[in-house]
């Protein structure tokens, strides 16, 4: 199952097609935590 990722999101897949840590966090963590992580991911990119 694919998650739809909003345009301009920091989440990317690598050349190998693996999910990025940010995407894993988005899929697995509770909403508040996931918001924090997404914010951190945006800073990284």
PDB file of N, CA and C in Angstrom:
ATOM      1  N   UNK A   1       0.837  -1.202   0.000  1.00  0.00           N
ATOM      2  CA  UNK A   1       0.000   0.000   0.000  1.00  0.00           C
ATOM      3  C   UNK A   1       0.871   1.250   0.000  1.00  0.00           C
ATOM      4  N   UNK A   2       0.534   2.173  -0.866  1.00  0.00           N
ATOM      5  CA  UNK A   2       1.329   3.401  -0.977  1.00  0.00           C
ATOM      6  C   UNK A   2       0.648   4.516  -0.210  1.00  0.00           C
ATOM      7  N   UNK A   3       1.455   5.316   0.440  1.00  0.00           N
ATOM      8  CA  UNK A   3       0.933   6.503   1.104  1.00  0.00           C
ATOM      9  C   UNK A   3       1.066   7.670   0.144  1.00  0.00           C
ATOM     10  N   UNK A   4       0.029   8.468   0.037  1.00  0.00           N
ATOM     11  CA  UNK A   4       0.099   9.633  -0.841  1.00  0.00           C
ATOM     12  C   UNK A   4       0.851  10.741  -0.116  1.00  0.00           C
ATOM     13  N   UNK A   5       1.889  11.241  -0.737  1.00  0.00           N
ATOM     14  CA  UNK A   5       2.747  12.250  -0.115  1.00  0.00           C
ATOM     15  C   UNK A   5       2.464  13.603  -0.749  1.00  0.00           C
ATOM     16  N   UNK A   6       2.160  14.606   0.075  1.00  0.00           N
ATOM     17  CA  UNK A   6       1.848  15.932  -0.458  1.00  0.00           C
ATOM     18  C   UNK A   6       3.031  16.516  -1.220  1.00  0.00           C
ATOM     19  N   UNK A   7       2.758  17.274  -2.255  1.00  0.00           N
ATOM     20  CA  UNK A   7       3.818  17.928  -3.009  1.00  0.00           C
ATOM     21  C   UNK A   7       4.564  18.884  -2.093  1.00  0.00           C
ATOM     22  N   UNK A   8       5.872  18.987  -2.269  1.00  0.00           N
ATOM     23  CA  UNK A   8       6.668  19.889  -1.452  1.00  0.00           C
ATOM     24  C   UNK A   8       7.029  19.291  -0.105  1.00  0.00           C
ATOM     25  N   UNK A   9       6.621  18.061   0.125  1.00  0.00           N
ATOM     26  CA  UNK A   9       6.949  17.401   1.380  1.00  0.00           C
ATOM     27  C   UNK A   9       8.427  17.037   1.415  1.00  0.00           C
ATOM     28  N   UNK A  10       8.979  16.946   2.614  1.00  0.00           N
ATOM     29  CA  UNK A  10      10.399  16.623   2.761  1.00  0.00           C
ATOM     30  C   UNK A  10      10.656  15.135   2.551  1.00  0.00           C
ATOM     31  N   UNK A  11       9.579  14.375   2.496  1.00  0.00           N
ATOM     32  CA  UNK A  11       9.730  12.928   2.416  1.00  0.00           C
ATOM     33  C   UNK A  11      10.112  12.513   1.003  1.00  0.00           C
ATOM     34  N   UNK A  12      11.168  11.717   0.898  1.00  0.00           N
ATOM     35  CA  UNK A  12      11.602  11.249  -0.407  1.00  0.00           C
ATOM     36  C   UNK A  12      11.949   9.771  -0.309  1.00  0.00           C
ATOM     37  N   UNK A  13      12.002   9.116  -1.425  1.00  0.00           N
ATOM     38  CA  UNK A  13      12.517   7.754  -1.436  1.00  0.00           C
ATOM     39  C   UNK A  13      13.938   7.785  -1.985  1.00  0.00           C
ATOM     40  N   UNK A  14      14.746   6.862  -1.541  1.00  0.00           N
ATOM     41  CA  UNK A  14      16.124   6.815  -2.012  1.00  0.00           C
ATOM     42  C   UNK A  14      16.185   6.156  -3.378  1.00  0.00           C
ATOM     43  N   UNK A  15      17.355   6.171  -3.974  1.00  0.00           N
ATOM     44  CA  UNK A  15      17.549   5.569  -5.292  1.00  0.00           C
ATOM     45  C   UNK A  15      17.227   4.075  -5.264  1.00  0.00           C
ATOM     46  N   UNK A  16      17.432   3.438  -4.120  1.00  0.00           N
ATOM     47  CA  UNK A  16      17.147   2.011  -4.009  1.00  0.00           C
ATOM     48  C   UNK A  16      15.649   1.738  -3.855  1.00  0.00           C
ATOM     49  N   UNK A  17      14.861   2.802  -3.691  1.00  0.00           N
ATOM     50  CA  UNK A  17      13.428   2.606  -3.527  1.00  0.00           C
ATOM     51  C   UNK A  17      13.026   2.305  -2.093  1.00  0.00           C
ATOM     52  N   UNK A  18      13.949   2.478  -1.164  1.00  0.00           N
ATOM     53  CA  UNK A  18      13.615   2.289   0.243  1.00  0.00           C
ATOM     54  C   UNK A  18      12.920   3.533   0.768  1.00  0.00           C
ATOM     55  N   UNK A  19      12.113   3.351   1.800  1.00  0.00           N
ATOM     56  CA  UNK A  19      11.492   4.525   2.408  1.00  0.00           C
ATOM     57  C   UNK A  19      12.524   5.293   3.215  1.00  0.00           C
ATOM     58  N   UNK A  20      12.373   6.602   3.244  1.00  0.00           N
ATOM     59  CA  UNK A  20      13.239   7.418   4.074  1.00  0.00           C
ATOM     60  C   UNK A  20      12.804   7.303   5.532  1.00  0.00           C
ATOM     61  N   UNK A  21      13.688   7.611   6.482  1.00  0.00           N
ATOM     62  CA  UNK A  21      13.319   7.602   7.903  1.00  0.00           C
ATOM     63  C   UNK A  21      12.111   8.486   8.177  1.00  0.00           C
ATOM     64  N   UNK A  22      12.033   9.599   7.487  1.00  0.00           N
ATOM     65  CA  UNK A  22      10.909  10.507   7.692  1.00  0.00           C
ATOM     66  C   UNK A  22       9.601   9.838   7.294  1.00  0.00           C
ATOM     67  N   UNK A  23       9.632   9.107   6.209  1.00  0.00           N
ATOM     68  CA  UNK A  23       8.407   8.447   5.764  1.00  0.00           C
ATOM     69  C   UNK A  23       8.021   7.328   6.717  1.00  0.00           C
ATOM     70  N   UNK A  24       9.024   6.587   7.208  1.00  0.00           N
ATOM     71  CA  UNK A  24       8.734   5.548   8.188  1.00  0.00           C
ATOM     72  C   UNK A  24       8.079   6.146   9.416  1.00  0.00           C
ATOM     73  N   UNK A  25       8.607   7.260   9.866  1.00  0.00           N
ATOM     74  CA  UNK A  25       8.053   7.921  11.043  1.00  0.00           C
ATOM     75  C   UNK A  25       6.616   8.333  10.778  1.00  0.00           C
ATOM     76  N   UNK A  26       6.385   8.856   9.604  1.00  0.00           N
ATOM     77  CA  UNK A  26       5.046   9.301   9.238  1.00  0.00           C
ATOM     78  C   UNK A  26       4.059   8.141   9.291  1.00  0.00           C
ATOM     79  N   UNK A  27       4.499   6.969   8.846  1.00  0.00           N
ATOM     80  CA  UNK A  27       3.599   5.821   8.806  1.00  0.00           C
ATOM     81  C   UNK A  27       3.369   5.215  10.185  1.00  0.00           C
ATOM     82  N   UNK A  28       4.381   5.260  11.057  1.00  0.00           N
ATOM     83  CA  UNK A  28       4.331   4.453  12.268  1.00  0.00           C
ATOM     84  C   UNK A  28       4.052   5.214  13.551  1.00  0.00           C
ATOM     85  N   UNK A  29       4.269   6.515  13.569  1.00  0.00           N
ATOM     86  CA  UNK A  29       4.159   7.232  14.837  1.00  0.00           C
ATOM     87  C   UNK A  29       2.811   7.916  14.999  1.00  0.00           C
ATOM     88  N   UNK A  30       2.438   8.186  16.248  1.00  0.00           N
ATOM     89  CA  UNK A  30       1.224   8.958  16.514  1.00  0.00           C
ATOM     90  C   UNK A  30       1.324  10.349  15.905  1.00  0.00           C
ATOM     91  N   UNK A  31       0.192  10.973  15.708  1.00  0.00           N
ATOM     92  CA  UNK A  31       0.107  12.215  14.967  1.00  0.00           C
ATOM     93  C   UNK A  31       1.009  13.334  15.474  1.00  0.00           C
ATOM     94  N   UNK A  32       0.993  13.605  16.774  1.00  0.00           N
ATOM     95  CA  UNK A  32       1.793  14.725  17.299  1.00  0.00           C
ATOM     96  C   UNK A  32       3.270  14.483  17.036  1.00  0.00           C
ATOM     97  N   UNK A  33       3.698  13.276  17.358  1.00  0.00           N
ATOM     98  CA  UNK A  33       5.103  12.921  17.193  1.00  0.00           C
ATOM     99  C   UNK A  33       5.490  13.043  15.736  1.00  0.00           C
ATOM    100  N   UNK A  34       4.600  12.568  14.897  1.00  0.00           N
ATOM    101  CA  UNK A  34       4.851  12.583  13.458  1.00  0.00           C
ATOM    102  C   UNK A  34       4.958  14.004  12.939  1.00  0.00           C
ATOM    103  N   UNK A  35       4.186  14.923  13.525  1.00  0.00           N
ATOM    104  CA  UNK A  35       4.316  16.335  13.132  1.00  0.00           C
ATOM    105  C   UNK A  35       5.696  16.874  13.494  1.00  0.00           C
ATOM    106  N   UNK A  36       6.169  16.530  14.681  1.00  0.00           N
ATOM    107  CA  UNK A  36       7.511  16.969  15.100  1.00  0.00           C
ATOM    108  C   UNK A  36       8.574  16.437  14.146  1.00  0.00           C
ATOM    109  N   UNK A  37       8.466  15.162  13.837  1.00  0.00           N
ATOM    110  CA  UNK A  37       9.450  14.518  12.960  1.00  0.00           C
ATOM    111  C   UNK A  37       9.414  15.128  11.568  1.00  0.00           C
ATOM    112  N   UNK A  38       8.217  15.381  11.079  1.00  0.00           N
ATOM    113  CA  UNK A  38       8.107  15.961   9.747  1.00  0.00           C
ATOM    114  C   UNK A  38       8.767  17.322   9.721  1.00  0.00           C
ATOM    115  N   UNK A  39       8.606  18.072  10.821  1.00  0.00           N
ATOM    116  CA  UNK A  39       9.241  19.378  10.909  1.00  0.00           C
ATOM    117  C   UNK A  39      10.765  19.216  10.858  1.00  0.00           C
ATOM    118  N   UNK A  40      11.286  18.259  11.592  1.00  0.00           N
ATOM    119  CA  UNK A  40      12.733  18.016  11.581  1.00  0.00           C
ATOM    120  C   UNK A  40      13.206  17.615  10.193  1.00  0.00           C
ATOM    121  N   UNK A  41      12.430  16.795   9.532  1.00  0.00           N
ATOM    122  CA  UNK A  41      12.796  16.348   8.190  1.00  0.00           C
ATOM    123  C   UNK A  41      12.854  17.519   7.218  1.00  0.00           C
ATOM    124  N   UNK A  42      11.947  18.467   7.383  1.00  0.00           N
ATOM    125  CA  UNK A  42      11.949  19.627   6.491  1.00  0.00           C
ATOM    126  C   UNK A  42      13.233  20.423   6.659  1.00  0.00           C
ATOM    127  N   UNK A  43      13.728  20.492   7.899  1.00  0.00           N
ATOM    128  CA  UNK A  43      14.961  21.230   8.149  1.00  0.00           C
ATOM    129  C   UNK A  43      16.142  20.544   7.478  1.00  0.00           C
ATOM    130  N   UNK A  44      16.104  19.228   7.441  1.00  0.00           N
ATOM    131  CA  UNK A  44      17.213  18.461   6.875  1.00  0.00           C
ATOM    132  C   UNK A  44      17.324  18.639   5.371  1.00  0.00           C
ATOM    133  N   UNK A  45      16.199  18.703   4.693  1.00  0.00           N
ATOM    134  CA  UNK A  45      16.262  18.684   3.228  1.00  0.00           C
ATOM    135  C   UNK A  45      16.662  20.029   2.632  1.00  0.00           C
TER     136      UNK A  45
END
